[in-house]
Amino acid sequence: MMTYRKTWGRALVRTILFATALAAGAAQADTYPSRPLTLLVPFTAGGATDVLARALAEGLARQLKQSVVVENVPGAGGSVGQSRAARSAADGYTLLLGNVGTLAANASLYKNLSYNVLTDFVPLASVGDAPQVLSVRAGLPARTFDEFVAYAKANQGTMNFGTAGVGSGSFLGGILLNAAIGVNILPIHYRGAAQATADVMAGHIDYTVESSSTAVSSISSGKIKGLVVLRGERVKVLPGVQATSETSYPDLHYDIWNMVLVPKGVPPAVAEQLNASLNQVLHSPEIQARYAEMGVAVPTAEHRSLKGSAELLQTEVARWKALLHAAGIEPGAT
């Protein structure tokens, strides 16, 4: 009888605790959001990820009726900002914007990350697919991508390309480019994509792989040449830049997907509300027009869902692990 009472008592306590947790989550969902939110960007201001973040923050602020403050936390290819996001309170007030590099590739590039991207975060939605452009210094003697390949093969020992850090989209683009055309051009790492692009414009480095959203302004300056969009079709914002289908490398394709996440433990109702708000933002005329200006595509409905974005992240972590291993890129310490 005593054993039965103890077992029954423990079961009752668990039931009460579970009901209390549900009630607390429901109460938070009813009042959420009651104060401003922070959107962490693991890169410096001015780069493609930052530009995208600020467009999303404006839309979210309208949907949630609260300010959404963009905070740049650069360093270590995005892992500094993501580590901070992982340590944040799981209350829905701290969001993270990551991309294929910071989220999928970093898991294989760094040995000692303080977080596990697959278990310490809840993906909310994929929010933008950005075409990537090979942007070279104005004085580089190549007018087309095929001419660039020939020049790179002959001069790879003295060339370099700029990145926003190990694991960044520009780094991965450069590594894929090396593998695709059969060269070994070394990267130079900066704190952000904007600094890398600035040094290409100044002629200090040879090229970078940048988003179409930033390539529009850098190419229009005349200090950078856009040689190719790394996809099969041209983009409307850069009609004069050829696509890889027009070159000797028609299968070369590289877009950067971007995703918004929250720390693990955020109440499901809050995650669902944020997902719904993000989808409303992505369907708004304001963001549609902004994306058109940047050359960014709205992801598929599947990738914009809670389930689909989680599956995308898991699939991409595995994919980049295989790609980086094949390229001979070994993980290093943060």
Protein backbone atom coordinates (compact mmCIF):
# COMPACT_ATOMS: atom_id res chain seq x y z
CA MET A 1 0.00 0.00 0.00
CA MET A 2 2.84 2.39 0.87
CA THR A 3 4.56 1.69 -2.49
CA TYR A 4 1.30 2.38 -4.33
CA ARG A 5 0.83 5.70 -2.51
CA LYS A 6 4.38 6.81 -3.32
CA THR A 7 3.98 5.90 -6.99
CA TRP A 8 0.61 7.62 -7.18
CA GLY A 9 2.05 10.67 -5.44
CA ARG A 10 4.96 10.98 -7.87
CA ALA A 11 2.59 10.62 -10.82
CA LEU A 12 0.38 13.37 -9.40
CA VAL A 13 3.36 15.69 -8.95
CA ARG A 14 4.47 15.08 -12.56
CA THR A 15 0.94 15.77 -13.81
CA ILE A 16 0.75 19.02 -11.84
CA LEU A 17 4.17 20.15 -13.08
CA PHE A 18 3.26 19.33 -16.68
CA ALA A 19 -0.05 21.19 -16.41
CA THR A 20 1.74 24.16 -14.84
CA ALA A 21 4.26 24.24 -17.67
CA LEU A 22 1.49 24.12 -20.26
CA ALA A 23 -0.38 26.91 -18.52
CA ALA A 24 2.77 29.02 -18.33
CA GLY A 25 3.48 28.48 -22.02
CA ALA A 26 -0.10 29.38 -22.93
CA ALA A 27 0.02 32.49 -20.77
CA GLN A 28 3.27 33.60 -22.40
CA ALA A 29 1.81 33.00 -25.86
CA ASP A 30 -1.24 35.10 -24.95
CA THR A 31 0.89 38.09 -23.98
CA TYR A 32 3.76 37.63 -26.43
CA PRO A 33 5.40 39.84 -27.48
CA SER A 34 5.17 42.41 -24.72
CA ARG A 35 8.57 44.07 -25.30
CA PRO A 36 11.10 44.64 -28.11
CA LEU A 37 12.85 41.71 -29.77
CA THR A 38 16.50 41.34 -30.79
CA LEU A 39 17.60 39.79 -34.08
CA LEU A 40 21.23 38.69 -33.81
CA VAL A 41 23.29 38.83 -37.01
CA PRO A 42 26.63 37.00 -36.76
CA PHE A 43 28.33 39.35 -39.24
CA THR A 44 29.31 43.01 -39.41
CA ALA A 45 26.93 45.68 -40.65
CA GLY A 46 26.73 46.31 -44.37
CA GLY A 47 27.08 42.77 -45.67
CA ALA A 48 24.42 40.73 -47.44
CA THR A 49 23.19 38.97 -44.28
CA ASP A 50 22.89 42.28 -42.46
CA VAL A 51 20.96 43.87 -45.34
CA LEU A 52 18.55 40.94 -45.35
CA ALA A 53 18.19 41.07 -41.56
CA ARG A 54 17.20 44.72 -41.54
CA ALA A 55 14.55 44.17 -44.18
CA LEU A 56 13.10 41.29 -42.18
CA ALA A 57 13.28 43.22 -38.90
CA GLU A 58 11.21 46.06 -40.35
CA GLY A 59 8.56 43.62 -41.51
CA LEU A 60 8.50 41.69 -38.24
CA ALA A 61 8.13 44.91 -36.27
CA ARG A 62 5.00 45.71 -38.26
CA GLN A 63 3.57 42.24 -37.77
CA LEU A 64 4.38 41.88 -34.05
CA LYS A 65 3.68 45.51 -33.11
CA GLN A 66 7.04 45.61 -31.32
CA SER A 67 10.46 46.95 -32.22
CA VAL A 68 12.91 44.41 -33.61
CA VAL A 69 16.48 45.54 -32.99
CA VAL A 70 19.20 44.17 -35.28
CA GLU A 71 22.42 43.51 -33.36
CA ASN A 72 25.62 42.60 -35.20
CA VAL A 73 27.84 40.09 -33.37
CA PRO A 74 30.62 39.12 -35.81
CA GLY A 75 33.55 36.79 -35.36
CA ALA A 76 34.84 33.30 -36.17
CA GLY A 77 32.74 32.87 -39.29
CA GLY A 78 29.52 33.54 -37.40
CA SER A 79 30.11 31.20 -34.46
CA VAL A 80 30.53 34.05 -31.95
CA GLY A 81 27.06 35.40 -32.65
CA GLN A 82 25.53 31.95 -32.78
CA SER A 83 27.10 31.01 -29.45
CA ARG A 84 25.53 34.07 -27.89
CA ALA A 85 22.16 33.19 -29.41
CA ALA A 86 22.37 29.64 -28.04
CA ARG A 87 22.97 31.03 -24.52
CA SER A 88 20.06 33.47 -24.73
CA ALA A 89 16.85 33.01 -22.79
CA ALA A 90 14.41 30.71 -24.54
CA ASP A 91 11.57 33.21 -24.37
CA GLY A 92 11.17 34.20 -28.02
CA TYR A 93 12.74 37.63 -27.60
CA THR A 94 16.12 36.71 -29.10
CA LEU A 95 16.19 35.54 -32.70
CA LEU A 96 19.14 34.52 -34.86
CA LEU A 97 19.60 34.96 -38.59
CA GLY A 98 22.06 32.41 -39.96
CA ASN A 99 22.89 31.06 -43.40
CA VAL A 100 24.27 27.99 -45.11
CA GLY A 101 27.78 28.85 -43.93
CA THR A 102 27.21 29.76 -40.31
CA LEU A 103 24.63 27.06 -39.71
CA ALA A 104 25.41 24.10 -41.98
CA ALA A 105 29.14 24.35 -42.68
CA ASN A 106 30.41 25.54 -39.30
CA ALA A 107 29.35 22.24 -37.75
CA SER A 108 32.14 20.60 -39.76
CA LEU A 109 34.64 23.46 -39.78
CA TYR A 110 35.12 23.98 -36.03
CA LYS A 111 36.07 21.39 -33.42
CA ASN A 112 35.12 23.21 -30.25
CA LEU A 113 31.83 24.98 -30.84
CA SER A 114 29.99 25.75 -27.61
CA TYR A 115 26.68 24.76 -29.19
CA ASN A 116 25.17 22.10 -31.42
CA VAL A 117 23.27 23.73 -34.24
CA LEU A 118 20.92 20.73 -34.58
CA THR A 119 20.00 20.41 -30.89
CA ASP A 120 20.43 23.87 -29.37
CA PHE A 121 18.21 25.80 -31.78
CA VAL A 122 14.68 25.67 -33.16
CA PRO A 123 14.54 26.65 -36.86
CA LEU A 124 11.58 28.95 -37.53
CA ALA A 125 11.72 29.39 -41.30
CA SER A 126 14.04 29.71 -44.25
CA VAL A 127 13.66 33.36 -45.23
CA GLY A 128 15.67 34.08 -48.39
CA ASP A 129 17.70 32.37 -51.12
CA ALA A 130 20.44 34.65 -52.42
CA PRO A 131 22.21 34.06 -55.75
CA GLN A 132 25.99 34.43 -55.51
CA VAL A 133 28.22 36.41 -57.84
CA LEU A 134 31.93 36.15 -58.64
CA SER A 135 33.12 39.75 -58.23
CA VAL A 136 36.71 40.55 -59.29
CA ARG A 137 38.88 43.63 -59.05
CA ALA A 138 38.46 46.01 -61.99
CA GLY A 139 42.06 45.52 -63.13
CA LEU A 140 41.96 41.74 -63.31
CA PRO A 141 42.53 40.82 -66.99
CA ALA A 142 39.42 38.73 -67.57
CA ARG A 143 36.16 39.80 -69.17
CA THR A 144 34.31 36.47 -68.89
CA PHE A 145 34.24 33.56 -66.49
CA ASP A 146 36.10 31.30 -68.92
CA GLU A 147 38.84 33.93 -69.21
CA PHE A 148 38.95 34.12 -65.42
CA VAL A 149 39.43 30.35 -65.19
CA ALA A 150 42.34 30.47 -67.63
CA TYR A 151 43.93 33.36 -65.74
CA ALA A 152 43.41 31.67 -62.36
CA LYS A 153 45.02 28.44 -63.51
CA ALA A 154 48.07 30.35 -64.73
CA ASN A 155 48.37 32.66 -61.71
CA GLN A 156 46.89 30.76 -58.77
CA GLY A 157 50.12 30.95 -56.79
CA THR A 158 49.89 34.72 -56.49
CA MET A 159 46.11 35.20 -56.32
CA ASN A 160 43.80 35.40 -53.32
CA PHE A 161 40.13 35.85 -52.55
CA GLY A 162 38.35 37.60 -49.70
CA THR A 163 35.92 36.02 -47.25
CA ALA A 164 33.84 37.07 -44.25
CA GLY A 165 35.60 34.37 -42.23
CA VAL A 166 35.94 30.60 -42.18
CA GLY A 167 32.49 29.11 -42.67
CA SER A 168 30.97 32.24 -44.20
CA GLY A 169 29.10 32.10 -47.48
CA SER A 170 31.94 33.86 -49.28
CA PHE A 171 34.43 31.34 -47.92
CA LEU A 172 32.34 28.37 -49.04
CA GLY A 173 31.83 29.95 -52.44
CA GLY A 174 35.57 30.38 -52.87
CA ILE A 175 36.26 26.79 -51.81
CA LEU A 176 33.63 25.44 -54.20
CA LEU A 177 35.06 27.59 -56.97
CA ASN A 178 38.54 26.21 -56.31
CA ALA A 179 37.22 22.65 -56.57
CA ALA A 180 35.11 23.33 -59.65
CA ILE A 181 37.87 24.86 -61.77
CA GLY A 182 40.79 22.89 -60.34
CA VAL A 183 42.88 25.55 -58.58
CA ASN A 184 44.10 26.21 -55.05
CA ILE A 185 43.74 29.94 -54.48
CA LEU A 186 44.13 30.95 -50.84
CA PRO A 187 41.52 32.90 -48.87
CA ILE A 188 42.07 36.10 -46.88
CA HIS A 189 39.62 36.39 -44.00
CA TYR A 190 37.92 39.60 -42.89
CA ARG A 191 35.49 40.39 -40.10
CA GLY A 192 32.72 40.82 -42.62
CA ALA A 193 31.77 40.61 -46.29
CA ALA A 194 31.71 44.39 -46.64
CA GLN A 195 35.40 44.63 -45.75
CA ALA A 196 36.31 41.88 -48.21
CA THR A 197 34.40 43.61 -50.98
CA ALA A 198 36.03 46.95 -50.11
CA ASP A 199 39.48 45.42 -50.56
CA VAL A 200 38.48 43.95 -53.92
CA MET A 201 37.32 47.42 -54.96
CA ALA A 202 40.65 48.87 -53.80
CA GLY A 203 42.54 46.24 -55.78
CA HIS A 204 44.21 44.75 -52.70
CA ILE A 205 42.77 41.28 -53.34
CA ASP A 206 41.63 39.61 -56.54
CA TYR A 207 38.03 38.61 -55.97
CA THR A 208 35.26 37.56 -53.64
CA VAL A 209 32.06 35.58 -53.94
CA GLU A 210 29.27 37.90 -52.82
CA SER A 211 25.51 37.98 -52.73
CA SER A 212 23.60 39.54 -55.59
CA SER A 213 22.13 41.95 -53.02
CA THR A 214 25.52 43.60 -52.43
CA ALA A 215 26.93 42.94 -55.90
CA VAL A 216 24.44 45.40 -57.41
CA SER A 217 26.08 48.38 -55.71
CA SER A 218 29.67 47.13 -55.85
CA ILE A 219 29.50 46.39 -59.59
CA SER A 220 27.75 49.67 -60.36
CA SER A 221 30.66 51.51 -58.73
CA GLY A 222 32.89 50.49 -61.64
CA LYS A 223 35.58 49.32 -59.21
CA ILE A 224 34.46 45.70 -59.40
CA LYS A 225 33.58 43.47 -62.34
CA GLY A 226 30.82 40.92 -61.95
CA LEU A 227 31.92 37.97 -64.06
CA VAL A 228 29.28 35.32 -63.44
CA VAL A 229 26.21 34.50 -61.38
CA LEU A 230 26.75 31.06 -59.88
CA ARG A 231 23.50 29.58 -61.13
CA GLY A 232 21.93 28.49 -64.40
CA GLU A 233 20.06 31.69 -65.14
CA ARG A 234 20.83 35.39 -64.94
CA VAL A 235 19.26 37.51 -62.21
CA LYS A 236 17.11 40.52 -63.00
CA VAL A 237 19.11 42.91 -60.82
CA LEU A 238 22.30 42.10 -62.76
CA PRO A 239 21.16 41.60 -66.36
CA GLY A 240 24.64 42.16 -67.75
CA VAL A 241 26.29 39.39 -65.71
CA GLN A 242 26.34 35.99 -67.39
CA ALA A 243 25.10 32.80 -65.75
CA THR A 244 27.14 29.61 -65.46
CA SER A 245 24.97 28.02 -68.16
CA GLU A 246 26.66 30.41 -70.59
CA THR A 247 30.13 29.19 -69.63
CA SER A 248 32.15 25.99 -69.82
CA TYR A 249 30.90 25.16 -66.29
CA PRO A 250 27.10 24.90 -66.67
CA ASP A 251 26.65 22.70 -63.58
CA LEU A 252 28.30 25.17 -61.20
CA HIS A 253 25.55 26.34 -58.85
CA TYR A 254 25.75 28.10 -55.51
CA ASP A 255 22.96 29.97 -53.74
CA ILE A 256 22.98 30.95 -50.07
CA TRP A 257 19.88 30.11 -48.05
CA ASN A 258 19.15 32.16 -44.93
CA MET A 259 17.21 30.99 -41.88
CA VAL A 260 15.76 32.49 -38.69
CA LEU A 261 16.08 30.43 -35.51
CA VAL A 262 15.46 30.72 -31.77
CA PRO A 263 17.17 28.98 -28.83
CA LYS A 264 15.92 25.54 -27.89
CA GLY A 265 13.14 25.66 -25.31
CA VAL A 266 11.06 28.47 -26.76
CA PRO A 267 7.39 27.57 -26.14
CA PRO A 268 5.86 25.88 -29.22
CA ALA A 269 3.05 28.44 -29.36
CA VAL A 270 5.61 31.28 -29.56
CA ALA A 271 7.58 29.46 -32.26
CA GLU A 272 4.39 28.98 -34.26
CA GLN A 273 3.51 32.66 -33.87
CA LEU A 274 6.95 33.73 -35.06
CA ASN A 275 6.78 31.35 -38.01
CA ALA A 276 3.38 32.73 -39.00
CA SER A 277 4.66 36.30 -38.67
CA LEU A 278 7.75 35.57 -40.79
CA ASN A 279 5.57 34.05 -43.50
CA GLN A 280 3.33 37.11 -43.45
CA VAL A 281 6.40 39.31 -43.81
CA LEU A 282 7.67 37.27 -46.76
CA HIS A 283 4.31 37.66 -48.52
CA SER A 284 4.08 41.41 -47.90
CA PRO A 285 4.39 43.82 -50.83
CA GLU A 286 7.19 45.66 -49.01
CA ILE A 287 9.45 42.64 -48.66
CA GLN A 288 8.59 41.37 -52.14
CA ALA A 289 9.75 44.68 -53.59
CA ARG A 290 12.87 44.73 -51.39
CA TYR A 291 13.79 41.19 -52.35
CA ALA A 292 13.33 42.05 -56.02
CA GLU A 293 15.80 44.92 -55.59
CA MET A 294 18.33 42.57 -53.95
CA GLY A 295 17.79 39.64 -56.31
CA VAL A 296 16.77 37.43 -53.38
CA ALA A 297 14.14 34.73 -53.85
CA VAL A 298 11.45 33.79 -51.31
CA PRO A 299 11.99 30.12 -50.31
CA THR A 300 9.48 27.39 -51.02
CA ALA A 301 6.49 26.95 -48.71
CA GLU A 302 8.05 23.75 -47.38
CA HIS A 303 11.28 25.48 -46.37
CA ARG A 304 9.27 28.30 -44.75
CA SER A 305 7.54 25.85 -42.39
CA LEU A 306 8.76 24.79 -38.96
CA LYS A 307 9.10 21.16 -40.03
CA GLY A 308 10.58 21.92 -43.43
CA SER A 309 13.17 24.39 -42.16
CA ALA A 310 14.35 21.88 -39.55
CA GLU A 311 14.68 19.22 -42.24
CA LEU A 312 16.58 21.63 -44.50
CA LEU A 313 19.07 22.39 -41.75
CA GLN A 314 19.64 18.72 -40.96
CA THR A 315 20.09 17.82 -44.62
CA GLU A 316 22.48 20.71 -45.29
CA VAL A 317 24.69 19.94 -42.27
CA ALA A 318 25.20 16.44 -43.66
CA ARG A 319 25.71 17.70 -47.23
CA TRP A 320 28.38 20.24 -46.32
CA LYS A 321 30.16 17.78 -44.09
CA ALA A 322 30.65 15.57 -47.14
CA LEU A 323 31.58 18.46 -49.45
CA LEU A 324 34.16 19.92 -47.08
CA HIS A 325 35.72 16.54 -46.42
CA ALA A 326 36.02 15.94 -50.15
CA ALA A 327 37.70 19.34 -50.52
CA GLY A 328 40.25 18.44 -47.85
CA ILE A 329 39.04 21.08 -45.40
CA GLU A 330 39.79 19.87 -41.88
CA PRO A 331 38.01 21.23 -38.79
CA GLY A 332 39.97 23.69 -36.68
CA ALA A 333 39.57 25.19 -33.23
CA THR A 334 37.44 28.27 -32.73
